[in-house]
Amino acid sequence: MSHEPSGLGRLSAVVTTLAIDCGGGGIKGTVLDEAGTMRARPLRVPTPYPLPPSLFVKTLLDLAGRLPTADRLTVGMPGMLRHGVVVATPHYVTRSGPRSRVDPDLLAEWTGFDVRTALSDAFGVPALVLNDAEVHGAGVVAGSGCELVLTLGTGLGCALFDGGALAPHLELSQAPVRWGMTYDTYIGEPERRRLGDGFWSRRVRQVVDGLRPVFRWDRLYLGGGNSRLIRPEQLARMGEDVVVVPNTAALVGGVRAWQLTPPRPVDGHPAA
């Protein structure tokens, strides 16, 4: 099947969405229909480093070129974004990936970068760019009450929904938790590898117990690639209001995110 350079752009009766989930170690994407059904097998590429914004955009374009065309784009990426503009991103400002040294030039390039406009211009379609945990949450929340989403992967992702509406993003991952460690480092992938799944699972349960009186959620969803590694006995101790959700929600949420978060228009590309 032939593709346009961007892999996007052809309109059809059914609105299709290219959903791309950008992590510290890998970037994966697929195309979904309005019901959230995948129209192509998800593809994954390693996250390249160092990663200036220009290479980030090119990497997403190259990935899209291997997938069917779509009418709009949803991207979830780590860090704090406001209206598609990067306030801070933890991994992409480093020299060689998560936990490596921050590159001052990359930090300057990424801070204040309007990634939504850049991607909308590059792909030629409306784009929605959110924190990756927020896209993940869009795929799983019931839309009733206070719902918290925590994603466990390279670090910790967080998204809060109230009655299905997305609350302003908080970088919980950067808050101190214990021994001078942030949540990112306390229960992130390096610590899981060091501790083993058993001790790491206990840490996750302790984090959940500590956050319960802060958020008073009606439902807590644990997602991300490492959520499936939580030991059953620790999950059972967290309570019935805590559920583990599949990591595929990070892509499926790419469709529902447009309903939960009305996109602001981008010059030259009206919101869908």
Protein backbone atom coordinates (compact mmCIF):
# COMPACT_ATOMS: atom_id res chain seq x y z
CA MET A 1 0.00 0.00 0.00
CA SER A 2 1.43 3.39 -0.96
CA HIS A 3 1.73 6.26 1.47
CA GLU A 4 2.00 9.99 1.30
CA PRO A 5 5.27 11.26 2.83
CA SER A 6 3.59 11.92 6.15
CA GLY A 7 1.52 8.75 6.17
CA LEU A 8 -1.56 10.94 6.69
CA GLY A 9 -3.86 13.26 4.87
CA ARG A 10 -6.55 11.29 3.04
CA LEU A 11 -10.04 11.94 4.29
CA SER A 12 -12.64 9.19 4.43
CA ALA A 13 -16.21 8.73 5.61
CA VAL A 14 -14.88 7.21 8.84
CA VAL A 15 -12.53 9.46 10.83
CA THR A 16 -9.31 7.61 11.53
CA THR A 17 -6.68 8.52 14.09
CA LEU A 18 -2.96 7.90 14.08
CA ALA A 19 -2.11 7.35 17.76
CA ILE A 20 1.53 7.54 18.79
CA ASP A 21 2.76 6.76 22.30
CA CYS A 22 6.20 8.24 22.96
CA GLY A 23 8.21 6.82 25.85
CA GLY A 24 11.70 7.08 27.18
CA GLY A 25 12.77 3.82 25.57
CA GLY A 26 10.45 3.39 22.61
CA ILE A 27 7.91 5.08 20.35
CA LYS A 28 4.96 3.05 19.12
CA GLY A 29 1.99 3.84 16.95
CA THR A 30 -1.05 2.49 15.15
CA VAL A 31 -4.11 3.72 13.26
CA LEU A 32 -7.57 3.38 14.80
CA ASP A 33 -11.12 3.90 13.62
CA GLU A 34 -13.79 5.87 15.49
CA ALA A 35 -14.58 2.87 17.71
CA GLY A 36 -10.95 2.56 18.76
CA THR A 37 -10.39 -0.60 16.71
CA MET A 38 -6.86 -0.90 15.38
CA ARG A 39 -6.58 -0.84 11.61
CA ALA A 40 -2.95 -1.89 11.65
CA ARG A 41 -0.63 -3.87 13.86
CA PRO A 42 1.16 -1.49 16.26
CA LEU A 43 4.71 -0.63 15.24
CA ARG A 44 7.51 0.26 17.62
CA VAL A 45 10.87 1.94 17.12
CA PRO A 46 13.54 2.73 19.74
CA THR A 47 13.56 6.31 20.98
CA PRO A 48 16.67 7.87 19.41
CA TYR A 49 19.14 9.89 21.48
CA PRO A 50 20.14 12.65 21.53
CA LEU A 51 16.66 13.78 20.52
CA PRO A 52 16.20 17.42 19.46
CA PRO A 53 12.64 18.43 18.51
CA SER A 54 13.44 18.24 14.78
CA LEU A 55 14.49 14.59 15.07
CA PHE A 56 11.42 13.88 17.23
CA VAL A 57 9.14 15.15 14.47
CA LYS A 58 11.08 13.22 11.80
CA THR A 59 10.91 10.00 13.84
CA LEU A 60 7.13 10.28 14.09
CA LEU A 61 6.84 11.03 10.36
CA ASP A 62 8.96 7.98 9.52
CA LEU A 63 6.82 5.77 11.76
CA ALA A 64 3.61 7.13 10.19
CA GLY A 65 4.98 6.36 6.74
CA ARG A 66 4.84 2.65 7.59
CA LEU A 67 1.18 2.80 8.67
CA PRO A 68 -2.12 3.41 6.82
CA THR A 69 -3.16 7.01 6.25
CA ALA A 70 -5.27 8.76 8.88
CA ASP A 71 -7.29 11.95 9.29
CA ARG A 72 -5.87 13.24 12.55
CA LEU A 73 -3.01 12.65 14.98
CA THR A 74 -2.83 12.02 18.72
CA VAL A 75 0.55 11.99 20.46
CA GLY A 76 1.26 11.18 24.08
CA MET A 77 4.72 12.10 25.36
CA PRO A 78 6.43 12.27 28.75
CA GLY A 79 6.54 15.50 30.72
CA MET A 80 4.36 18.52 31.30
CA LEU A 81 2.58 20.10 28.34
CA ARG A 82 0.12 22.97 28.33
CA HIS A 83 -2.03 23.40 25.21
CA GLY A 84 0.47 21.35 23.21
CA VAL A 85 3.49 23.37 24.34
CA VAL A 86 6.29 21.68 26.27
CA VAL A 87 6.84 23.08 29.75
CA ALA A 88 9.27 20.29 30.70
CA THR A 89 10.12 16.83 29.40
CA PRO A 90 12.40 14.60 31.48
CA HIS A 91 13.99 12.20 28.99
CA TYR A 92 14.29 14.05 25.71
CA VAL A 93 16.56 16.73 27.16
CA THR A 94 19.24 14.16 28.06
CA ARG A 95 22.35 13.17 26.11
CA SER A 96 21.64 9.45 25.87
CA GLY A 97 18.24 8.73 27.38
CA PRO A 98 16.60 8.34 30.82
CA ARG A 99 18.88 8.95 33.81
CA SER A 100 21.71 10.29 31.65
CA ARG A 101 23.10 13.83 31.83
CA VAL A 102 20.91 16.74 30.75
CA ASP A 103 22.16 18.55 27.65
CA PRO A 104 21.75 22.34 28.11
CA ASP A 105 21.20 22.86 24.36
CA LEU A 106 18.45 20.24 24.25
CA LEU A 107 16.88 21.71 27.37
CA ALA A 108 16.73 25.09 25.66
CA GLU A 109 15.29 23.61 22.44
CA TRP A 110 12.54 21.64 24.18
CA THR A 111 11.47 24.24 26.74
CA GLY A 112 8.55 26.18 25.26
CA PHE A 113 8.54 24.10 22.05
CA ASP A 114 5.06 24.14 20.46
CA VAL A 115 5.05 20.46 19.60
CA ARG A 116 1.38 20.46 18.66
CA THR A 117 1.75 23.12 15.99
CA ALA A 118 4.98 21.55 14.72
CA LEU A 119 3.32 18.15 14.29
CA SER A 120 0.13 19.58 12.80
CA ASP A 121 2.22 21.46 10.22
CA ALA A 122 4.44 18.45 9.48
CA PHE A 123 1.57 15.98 9.09
CA GLY A 124 -0.91 18.38 7.52
CA VAL A 125 -3.80 17.31 9.79
CA PRO A 126 -5.24 18.34 13.18
CA ALA A 127 -3.02 17.17 16.02
CA LEU A 128 -3.59 16.65 19.73
CA VAL A 129 -0.55 16.36 22.00
CA LEU A 130 -0.91 15.42 25.67
CA ASN A 131 1.10 13.87 28.44
CA ASP A 132 1.33 10.13 27.75
CA ALA A 133 -0.48 9.21 30.98
CA GLU A 134 -3.36 11.49 29.97
CA VAL A 135 -3.78 9.69 26.64
CA HIS A 136 -3.54 6.36 28.48
CA GLY A 137 -6.22 7.51 30.89
CA ALA A 138 -8.54 8.60 28.07
CA GLY A 139 -8.63 4.98 26.99
CA VAL A 140 -9.76 3.60 30.35
CA VAL A 141 -11.70 6.12 32.48
CA ALA A 142 -15.41 5.51 32.99
CA GLY A 143 -16.18 9.25 33.01
CA SER A 144 -17.78 9.22 36.46
CA GLY A 145 -16.35 10.59 39.68
CA CYS A 146 -12.70 11.26 40.47
CA GLU A 147 -10.46 8.91 38.51
CA LEU A 148 -6.67 8.81 38.84
CA VAL A 149 -4.37 7.13 36.33
CA LEU A 150 -0.80 6.16 37.23
CA THR A 151 1.42 4.66 34.56
CA LEU A 152 4.44 2.58 35.53
CA GLY A 153 7.28 2.45 33.03
CA THR A 154 10.59 4.26 32.69
CA GLY A 155 9.23 6.52 35.43
CA LEU A 156 5.81 7.38 36.81
CA GLY A 157 3.07 9.02 34.77
CA CYS A 158 0.00 10.67 36.29
CA ALA A 159 -3.35 11.94 35.00
CA LEU A 160 -6.46 13.03 36.89
CA PHE A 161 -10.02 13.05 35.54
CA ASP A 162 -13.15 14.50 37.15
CA GLY A 163 -16.40 13.31 35.62
CA GLY A 164 -14.49 12.43 32.46
CA ALA A 165 -12.96 15.90 32.16
CA LEU A 166 -9.19 16.08 32.17
CA ALA A 167 -7.76 18.10 35.06
CA PRO A 168 -4.66 20.30 34.67
CA HIS A 169 -1.55 18.15 34.53
CA LEU A 170 0.62 17.75 37.64
CA GLU A 171 4.14 16.31 37.39
CA LEU A 172 3.75 14.04 40.40
CA SER A 173 6.75 12.06 39.13
CA GLN A 174 9.08 14.93 40.10
CA ALA A 175 7.85 15.22 43.69
CA PRO A 176 10.18 13.93 46.45
CA VAL A 177 9.00 10.74 48.10
CA ARG A 178 11.77 9.16 50.20
CA TRP A 179 15.54 9.13 50.70
CA GLY A 180 15.89 12.15 48.43
CA MET A 181 14.29 10.22 45.56
CA THR A 182 11.43 11.37 43.37
CA TYR A 183 8.51 9.12 42.46
CA ASP A 184 10.17 8.74 39.05
CA THR A 185 13.29 7.22 40.53
CA TYR A 186 11.60 5.48 43.47
CA ILE A 187 9.37 3.18 41.41
CA GLY A 188 10.79 3.64 37.90
CA GLU A 189 12.23 0.87 35.74
CA PRO A 190 15.84 1.05 37.06
CA GLU A 191 14.63 0.47 40.62
CA ARG A 192 12.38 -2.38 39.52
CA ARG A 193 15.37 -4.08 37.95
CA ARG A 194 17.51 -3.48 41.03
CA LEU A 195 14.92 -4.62 43.57
CA GLY A 196 13.19 -7.39 41.65
CA ASP A 197 9.44 -7.57 41.06
CA GLY A 198 8.57 -8.64 44.59
CA PHE A 199 10.16 -5.76 46.51
CA TRP A 200 9.26 -3.31 43.75
CA SER A 201 5.60 -4.36 43.93
CA ARG A 202 5.62 -3.63 47.65
CA ARG A 203 6.97 -0.16 46.91
CA VAL A 204 4.18 0.45 44.41
CA ARG A 205 1.62 -0.58 47.01
CA GLN A 206 3.21 1.77 49.57
CA VAL A 207 3.03 4.62 47.03
CA VAL A 208 -0.65 3.90 46.40
CA ASP A 209 -1.33 3.86 50.15
CA GLY A 210 0.47 7.18 50.54
CA LEU A 211 -1.39 8.88 47.70
CA ARG A 212 -4.86 7.70 48.70
CA PRO A 213 -5.49 10.47 51.27
CA VAL A 214 -4.10 13.05 48.82
CA PHE A 215 -6.44 12.31 45.90
CA ARG A 216 -9.39 10.49 47.54
CA TRP A 217 -10.12 8.89 44.18
CA ASP A 218 -13.22 6.90 43.31
CA ARG A 219 -11.10 4.68 41.06
CA LEU A 220 -7.36 4.31 40.53
CA TYR A 221 -6.09 2.79 37.30
CA LEU A 222 -2.55 1.37 37.14
CA GLY A 223 -1.26 1.21 33.58
CA GLY A 224 2.01 1.34 31.67
CA GLY A 225 4.27 -1.51 30.64
CA ASN A 226 5.26 -2.45 34.20
CA SER A 227 1.78 -2.56 35.73
CA ARG A 228 1.42 -6.19 34.67
CA LEU A 229 4.45 -7.05 36.85
CA ILE A 230 2.76 -6.05 40.13
CA ARG A 231 2.50 -9.14 42.30
CA PRO A 232 -1.12 -10.32 42.87
CA GLU A 233 -0.77 -10.29 46.65
CA GLN A 234 0.27 -6.62 46.64
CA LEU A 235 -2.48 -5.67 44.21
CA ALA A 236 -5.06 -7.38 46.43
CA ARG A 237 -3.88 -5.30 49.39
CA MET A 238 -4.45 -2.05 47.47
CA GLY A 239 -8.22 -2.45 47.52
CA GLU A 240 -11.07 -3.02 45.11
CA ASP A 241 -10.93 0.58 43.86
CA VAL A 242 -7.53 -0.09 42.27
CA VAL A 243 -7.39 -1.88 38.92
CA VAL A 244 -4.63 -2.75 36.46
CA VAL A 245 -5.40 -1.81 32.85
CA PRO A 246 -3.72 -3.01 29.64
CA ASN A 247 -0.89 -0.99 28.12
CA THR A 248 -2.75 -0.92 24.79
CA ALA A 249 -4.87 1.86 26.36
CA ALA A 250 -1.98 4.21 25.56
CA LEU A 251 -2.89 3.83 21.88
CA VAL A 252 -6.65 3.25 22.10
CA GLY A 253 -6.93 6.42 24.18
CA GLY A 254 -5.74 8.33 21.13
CA VAL A 255 -9.30 8.31 19.78
CA ARG A 256 -11.20 9.06 22.98
CA ALA A 257 -8.82 11.85 23.96
CA TRP A 258 -10.47 14.04 21.29
CA GLN A 259 -13.82 13.64 23.04
CA LEU A 260 -12.52 14.24 26.55
CA THR A 261 -10.28 17.15 25.61
CA PRO A 262 -11.76 19.47 22.94
CA PRO A 263 -8.75 20.58 20.87
CA ARG A 264 -8.08 24.27 20.31
CA PRO A 265 -7.81 25.23 16.62
CA VAL A 266 -4.37 25.35 15.06
CA ASP A 267 -3.78 28.04 12.45
CA GLY A 268 -4.49 26.58 9.06
CA HIS A 269 -5.81 23.33 10.51
CA PRO A 270 -9.31 23.63 12.05
CA ALA A 271 -10.05 21.36 15.00
CA ALA A 272 -11.92 18.19 14.12
